[in-house]
Amino acid sequence: MQPTPRACDLAVPISDALRLIRGTLRPDEFDPATADQVFTIAMNDYSAFVLLPLLLARLSIEAPHVDVRVRGTFGRDEAVELLDSGEASLAIGFPVEVSARILTRSLLQEDFSCVARPGHPAFADGASVEDFAAASHLLVSREGDRASLVDRELANLGLERRVALSLPQFLVAPFVIAETDLVATVASRVARRFAASGLSRLPAIDRTGEDAQDLTLHNCINLRLPTRDSLLPWELRKGRRELQVRVEGQLTFNSVYQMMDAALGGFGLAYVPKDLAEVHVRAGRLNWVLEDWFPTFVGHHVYYPGRRKSSRAVELVVDALKSGYQRRAQ
């Protein structure tokens, strides 16, 4: 039997197609002990705070050459977009609708705890749900919501609360609560971590002969801003000498708050705003390094529309921000 001319024409493309199918069905040959790859994970600051210390500890033993890049996300839609575009291999957060292109698996269950500063006057004689509802609240909502599960549960009891402050990330919340009469309802794992005093302390580098270029010898935490395609260099200044140091390390984030979480977990040196780290340094959880290389910047500015006269409310907020920071700096 002889193949027809048409069969001869189809032989090569069919052979190529079968080879591609066999290659697709063959199990991936991945050896974590020798793998040298970068995995990008999309996650919010809560997921990073809770899961990254465990993940990095496991990788350091089983996959010591695997690096992790974290893309901070503020909602489900953004995480799905990163997966669809191939910019992230995994996404961690609240579950999305399962489809043929998006698979999901449960990682952990979480409950909630209420936190307030010691000596809060509303709870001097014990706590009740009425006292809780009557207090001013801080709400952490990455998507900008003004209500949450707490509000629905209070409504079932015929109660409502006032949300005096809404924040997109939880890392700031404990420090606001510590200096105000606001109360917050946060994930229990977060509440336990902040209530504990045993956070890992970053060992200080020996300052003898310390120089900015020595950073290349240490495991550092990198920052990749959404508006840049490259890692942000560490800009340092000592007198008239200025340096931009390209550091290396296993972790990369696009949020300084996630960098702080990793530094508190002892996973490397972090280059973050001084105000953000200062409270941890005072508490003994972190140490300064390269203090004589600290750069100074113009600082933060407040922006508001110039097309119309500023309202009295806007002026009060601006004055409060300026005076509050000045008192803190004294």
Protein backbone atom coordinates (compact mmCIF):
# COMPACT_ATOMS: atom_id res chain seq x y z
CA MET A 1 0.00 0.00 0.00
CA GLN A 2 1.37 3.42 -0.99
CA PRO A 3 0.39 6.76 0.64
CA THR A 4 -1.48 9.19 -1.53
CA PRO A 5 0.09 12.56 -2.48
CA ARG A 6 -2.27 14.23 0.01
CA ALA A 7 -1.13 11.88 2.79
CA CYS A 8 2.49 12.73 2.01
CA ASP A 9 1.67 16.43 2.23
CA LEU A 10 0.06 15.93 5.67
CA ALA A 11 2.78 13.69 7.12
CA VAL A 12 5.14 16.45 8.30
CA PRO A 13 2.54 18.82 9.88
CA ILE A 14 0.77 15.91 11.59
CA SER A 15 4.10 14.60 12.92
CA ASP A 16 4.91 18.07 14.30
CA ALA A 17 1.47 18.33 15.90
CA LEU A 18 1.82 14.94 17.59
CA ARG A 19 5.27 15.88 18.88
CA LEU A 20 3.81 19.07 20.39
CA ILE A 21 0.98 17.12 22.04
CA ARG A 22 3.40 14.58 23.52
CA GLY A 23 5.55 17.41 24.87
CA THR A 24 2.50 19.07 26.44
CA LEU A 25 1.34 15.88 28.15
CA ARG A 26 4.79 14.94 29.45
CA PRO A 27 5.13 15.72 33.20
CA ASP A 28 7.15 18.82 34.01
CA GLU A 29 10.66 18.02 35.12
CA PHE A 30 11.09 20.38 38.07
CA ASP A 31 13.70 19.81 40.74
CA PRO A 32 13.22 22.40 43.51
CA ALA A 33 16.69 21.76 44.91
CA THR A 34 18.37 22.97 41.70
CA ALA A 35 15.67 25.22 40.21
CA ASP A 36 16.79 28.78 39.50
CA GLN A 37 13.55 30.62 38.76
CA VAL A 38 11.54 33.67 39.76
CA PHE A 39 7.90 33.15 40.71
CA THR A 40 5.54 36.12 40.72
CA ILE A 41 2.69 35.99 43.23
CA ALA A 42 -0.14 38.53 43.33
CA MET A 43 -1.31 39.11 46.90
CA ASN A 44 -2.56 41.78 49.26
CA ASP A 45 -0.69 42.90 52.36
CA TYR A 46 -2.65 40.56 54.65
CA SER A 47 -1.68 37.51 52.59
CA ALA A 48 1.94 38.65 52.51
CA PHE A 49 1.97 39.27 56.26
CA VAL A 50 0.55 35.85 57.11
CA LEU A 51 1.97 33.57 54.44
CA LEU A 52 5.33 34.93 53.26
CA PRO A 53 7.33 34.05 56.39
CA LEU A 54 6.19 30.42 56.11
CA LEU A 55 6.75 30.31 52.35
CA LEU A 56 10.27 31.79 52.51
CA ALA A 57 11.25 29.47 55.36
CA ARG A 58 10.17 26.47 53.31
CA LEU A 59 11.87 27.71 50.13
CA SER A 60 15.14 28.36 51.95
CA ILE A 61 15.32 24.63 52.71
CA GLU A 62 13.73 22.97 49.68
CA ALA A 63 14.33 25.52 46.90
CA PRO A 64 17.17 27.81 47.99
CA HIS A 65 17.71 29.32 44.52
CA VAL A 66 14.07 30.14 43.83
CA ASP A 67 13.23 33.86 44.13
CA VAL A 68 9.81 35.35 44.79
CA ARG A 69 8.44 38.56 43.33
CA VAL A 70 5.27 39.92 44.92
CA ARG A 71 2.76 42.08 43.06
CA GLY A 72 0.53 43.94 45.51
CA THR A 73 -3.17 43.85 44.65
CA PHE A 74 -6.21 45.71 45.94
CA GLY A 75 -9.01 43.49 44.64
CA ARG A 76 -10.08 40.30 42.91
CA ASP A 77 -10.37 41.87 39.46
CA GLU A 78 -6.80 43.13 39.54
CA ALA A 79 -5.51 39.70 40.60
CA VAL A 80 -7.40 37.98 37.78
CA GLU A 81 -6.01 40.50 35.26
CA LEU A 82 -2.46 39.71 36.39
CA LEU A 83 -3.13 35.99 35.95
CA ASP A 84 -4.72 36.47 32.53
CA SER A 85 -1.84 38.61 31.31
CA GLY A 86 0.77 36.15 32.57
CA GLU A 87 2.32 38.75 34.88
CA ALA A 88 1.64 36.51 37.89
CA SER A 89 1.80 32.74 38.30
CA LEU A 90 -0.39 32.66 41.39
CA ALA A 91 -2.81 34.99 43.15
CA ILE A 92 -3.76 34.85 46.83
CA GLY A 93 -6.82 36.50 48.28
CA PHE A 94 -10.55 36.09 48.62
CA PRO A 95 -11.98 33.46 46.24
CA VAL A 96 -13.12 34.41 42.75
CA GLU A 97 -15.69 32.69 40.58
CA VAL A 98 -14.20 29.42 39.36
CA SER A 99 -13.99 29.02 35.59
CA ALA A 100 -12.11 26.99 33.03
CA ARG A 101 -9.27 29.53 33.06
CA ILE A 102 -9.12 30.31 36.78
CA LEU A 103 -8.71 27.50 39.32
CA THR A 104 -8.88 28.04 43.07
CA ARG A 105 -7.89 26.13 46.18
CA SER A 106 -8.49 26.92 49.84
CA LEU A 107 -5.36 27.84 51.81
CA LEU A 108 -6.66 28.79 55.27
CA GLN A 109 -9.70 29.78 57.28
CA GLU A 110 -9.71 33.05 59.23
CA ASP A 111 -11.79 34.65 61.96
CA PHE A 112 -11.76 38.16 63.38
CA SER A 113 -10.71 39.95 66.55
CA CYS A 114 -11.43 43.43 67.87
CA VAL A 115 -8.50 45.59 68.93
CA ALA A 116 -8.32 48.84 70.90
CA ARG A 117 -5.62 50.68 72.80
CA PRO A 118 -5.00 49.75 76.44
CA GLY A 119 -7.14 51.85 78.76
CA HIS A 120 -9.75 52.68 76.13
CA PRO A 121 -12.49 54.55 78.07
CA ALA A 122 -15.35 52.76 76.27
CA PHE A 123 -14.25 49.41 77.68
CA ALA A 124 -13.13 50.42 81.17
CA ASP A 125 -15.95 48.41 82.76
CA GLY A 126 -15.83 45.51 80.33
CA ALA A 127 -16.92 45.14 76.74
CA SER A 128 -20.42 44.76 75.35
CA VAL A 129 -21.70 44.76 71.79
CA GLU A 130 -23.42 48.08 72.51
CA ASP A 131 -20.14 49.64 73.67
CA PHE A 132 -18.45 48.24 70.59
CA ALA A 133 -21.06 49.72 68.24
CA ALA A 134 -20.97 53.12 69.99
CA ALA A 135 -17.20 53.51 69.57
CA SER A 136 -15.59 55.17 66.54
CA HIS A 137 -14.16 52.57 64.20
CA LEU A 138 -11.24 52.10 61.84
CA LEU A 139 -12.04 49.98 58.78
CA VAL A 140 -9.40 48.31 56.62
CA SER A 141 -10.81 47.95 53.12
CA ARG A 142 -8.50 47.44 50.16
CA GLU A 143 -11.33 48.19 47.73
CA GLY A 144 -12.50 51.37 49.49
CA ASP A 145 -15.70 49.98 50.97
CA ARG A 146 -17.38 51.88 53.79
CA ALA A 147 -19.13 48.81 55.19
CA SER A 148 -18.17 45.21 55.89
CA LEU A 149 -19.35 41.99 57.46
CA VAL A 150 -19.23 43.73 60.85
CA ASP A 151 -21.87 46.23 59.73
CA ARG A 152 -24.15 43.47 58.49
CA GLU A 153 -23.87 41.60 61.78
CA LEU A 154 -24.56 44.78 63.77
CA ALA A 155 -27.59 45.52 61.58
CA ASN A 156 -28.99 42.09 62.45
CA LEU A 157 -28.88 43.21 66.09
CA GLY A 158 -30.47 46.57 65.32
CA LEU A 159 -27.18 48.44 65.78
CA GLU A 160 -24.90 50.49 63.58
CA ARG A 161 -21.44 51.96 63.93
CA ARG A 162 -19.54 55.00 62.72
CA VAL A 163 -16.48 54.36 60.56
CA ALA A 164 -14.30 57.37 61.31
CA LEU A 165 -11.33 56.18 59.25
CA SER A 166 -11.04 53.81 56.29
CA LEU A 167 -7.62 52.54 55.18
CA PRO A 168 -6.54 50.43 52.17
CA GLN A 169 -3.88 48.48 54.12
CA PHE A 170 -3.77 47.07 57.64
CA LEU A 171 -0.12 47.79 58.51
CA VAL A 172 -0.88 51.38 59.51
CA ALA A 173 -3.92 50.44 61.60
CA PRO A 174 -2.21 49.34 64.87
CA PHE A 175 -0.27 52.59 65.13
CA VAL A 176 -3.39 54.69 64.59
CA ILE A 177 -5.29 52.64 67.17
CA ALA A 178 -2.45 52.94 69.70
CA GLU A 179 -2.71 56.75 69.70
CA THR A 180 -6.48 57.25 69.32
CA ASP A 181 -9.79 55.95 70.68
CA LEU A 182 -10.59 54.18 67.41
CA VAL A 183 -11.27 50.45 67.49
CA ALA A 184 -10.79 48.00 64.64
CA THR A 185 -11.91 44.54 63.65
CA VAL A 186 -9.07 42.72 61.95
CA ALA A 187 -8.09 39.19 61.01
CA SER A 188 -7.14 37.23 64.13
CA ARG A 189 -3.76 36.22 62.77
CA VAL A 190 -2.93 39.89 62.28
CA ALA A 191 -4.21 40.83 65.73
CA ARG A 192 -2.07 38.14 67.37
CA ARG A 193 1.06 39.17 65.49
CA PHE A 194 0.71 42.81 66.46
CA ALA A 195 -0.18 42.01 70.05
CA ALA A 196 2.89 39.81 70.45
CA SER A 197 6.27 41.32 71.23
CA GLY A 198 8.22 38.45 69.74
CA LEU A 199 8.53 39.57 66.13
CA SER A 200 11.85 38.56 64.59
CA ARG A 201 14.52 41.20 65.05
CA LEU A 202 16.79 42.06 62.17
CA PRO A 203 20.38 41.65 63.33
CA ALA A 204 22.48 44.78 62.96
CA ILE A 205 25.32 44.72 60.50
CA ASP A 206 28.71 45.23 62.08
CA ARG A 207 29.29 48.96 61.60
CA THR A 208 33.06 48.66 61.57
CA GLY A 209 34.12 49.82 58.12
CA GLU A 210 30.47 49.92 57.01
CA ASP A 211 29.96 51.31 53.53
CA ALA A 212 26.95 51.59 51.23
CA GLN A 213 28.50 49.24 48.68
CA ASP A 214 28.52 46.54 51.37
CA LEU A 215 24.79 46.18 50.72
CA THR A 216 25.64 43.96 47.77
CA LEU A 217 26.89 41.38 50.27
CA HIS A 218 23.54 41.11 52.05
CA ASN A 219 20.10 39.74 51.30
CA CYS A 220 18.00 42.81 50.48
CA ILE A 221 14.32 43.31 49.77
CA ASN A 222 13.67 44.94 46.40
CA LEU A 223 10.92 47.31 45.30
CA ARG A 224 9.43 47.38 41.81
CA LEU A 225 6.98 50.26 41.35
CA PRO A 226 3.97 49.73 39.04
CA THR A 227 5.16 52.68 36.92
CA ARG A 228 8.66 51.24 36.36
CA ASP A 229 9.87 48.15 34.52
CA SER A 230 13.03 47.81 36.62
CA LEU A 231 13.84 47.37 40.28
CA LEU A 232 14.15 50.61 42.21
CA PRO A 233 17.79 51.35 43.14
CA TRP A 234 18.59 52.38 46.69
CA GLU A 235 19.44 56.08 46.56
CA LEU A 236 21.95 56.96 49.30
CA ARG A 237 23.71 60.18 50.20
CA LYS A 238 26.61 60.96 52.54
CA GLY A 239 27.75 64.56 52.42
CA ARG A 240 28.33 65.32 48.75
CA ARG A 241 28.70 61.69 47.81
CA GLU A 242 25.63 60.09 46.21
CA LEU A 243 25.12 56.47 45.24
CA GLN A 244 22.48 54.38 43.54
CA VAL A 245 22.98 50.81 44.70
CA ARG A 246 21.42 47.86 42.89
CA VAL A 247 20.76 45.30 45.59
CA GLU A 248 19.95 41.60 45.37
CA GLY A 249 17.67 39.31 47.34
CA GLN A 250 14.98 36.67 47.10
CA LEU A 251 12.02 39.00 47.64
CA THR A 252 10.59 41.75 45.42
CA PHE A 253 7.46 43.79 46.22
CA ASN A 254 5.62 46.75 44.73
CA SER A 255 4.58 48.14 48.12
CA VAL A 256 6.73 49.47 50.97
CA TYR A 257 4.22 48.07 53.47
CA GLN A 258 4.89 44.53 52.26
CA MET A 259 8.61 45.28 52.41
CA MET A 260 8.16 46.25 56.07
CA ASP A 261 6.36 42.96 56.77
CA ALA A 262 9.26 41.02 55.28
CA ALA A 263 11.85 43.05 57.21
CA LEU A 264 9.97 42.44 60.47
CA GLY A 265 10.03 38.74 59.65
CA GLY A 266 13.83 38.88 59.36
CA PHE A 267 13.99 38.18 55.61
CA GLY A 268 16.41 40.92 54.63
CA LEU A 269 17.32 44.59 54.65
CA ALA A 270 14.63 47.02 53.52
CA TYR A 271 14.84 50.52 52.06
CA VAL A 272 11.71 52.27 53.32
CA PRO A 273 10.63 55.74 54.53
CA LYS A 274 12.16 56.50 57.92
CA ASP A 275 8.80 57.35 59.51
CA LEU A 276 7.48 53.91 58.60
CA ALA A 277 10.33 52.05 60.31
CA GLU A 278 10.92 54.37 63.26
CA VAL A 279 8.23 52.91 65.51
CA HIS A 280 9.70 49.42 65.04
CA VAL A 281 13.22 50.65 65.76
CA ARG A 282 12.05 52.31 68.99
CA ALA A 283 10.34 49.06 70.00
CA GLY A 284 13.52 47.07 69.35
CA ARG A 285 12.07 45.05 66.49
CA LEU A 286 14.38 46.55 63.85
CA ASN A 287 17.78 48.24 63.76
CA TRP A 288 19.03 51.09 61.60
CA VAL A 289 21.92 50.40 59.23
CA LEU A 290 23.94 52.93 57.24
CA GLU A 291 22.51 55.83 59.25
CA ASP A 292 25.12 58.25 57.92
CA TRP A 293 23.94 57.41 54.39
CA PHE A 294 20.28 58.29 54.99
CA PRO A 295 19.08 60.52 52.14
CA THR A 296 16.53 63.29 52.58
CA PHE A 297 13.79 64.12 50.13
CA VAL A 298 11.48 67.03 49.51
CA GLY A 299 8.75 65.14 51.34
CA HIS A 300 5.06 64.59 50.88
CA HIS A 301 2.76 67.27 49.54
CA VAL A 302 -1.01 67.45 49.73
CA TYR A 303 -2.87 67.98 46.46
CA TYR A 304 -6.32 69.47 45.94
CA PRO A 305 -8.15 71.11 43.02
CA GLY A 306 -7.12 74.67 42.19
CA ARG A 307 -10.16 75.40 40.03
CA ARG A 308 -12.24 76.44 42.98
CA LYS A 309 -11.74 78.01 46.41
CA SER A 310 -10.79 75.47 49.03
CA SER A 311 -13.52 74.68 51.50
CA ARG A 312 -13.05 75.24 55.20
CA ALA A 313 -13.12 71.45 55.68
CA VAL A 314 -10.18 71.00 53.31
CA GLU A 315 -8.21 73.72 55.10
CA LEU A 316 -8.89 72.09 58.48
CA VAL A 317 -7.67 68.71 57.22
CA VAL A 318 -4.49 70.24 55.78
CA ASP A 319 -3.80 72.18 59.01
CA ALA A 320 -4.40 69.05 61.10
CA LEU A 321 -2.02 67.00 58.95
CA LYS A 322 0.73 69.62 59.16
CA SER A 323 0.40 70.26 62.90
CA GLY A 324 0.09 66.56 63.70
CA TYR A 325 3.27 65.71 61.85
CA GLN A 326 5.17 68.64 63.38
CA ARG A 327 4.24 67.49 66.90
CA ARG A 328 5.33 63.96 66.06
CA ALA A 329 8.68 65.19 64.75
CA GLN A 330 9.45 67.12 67.96
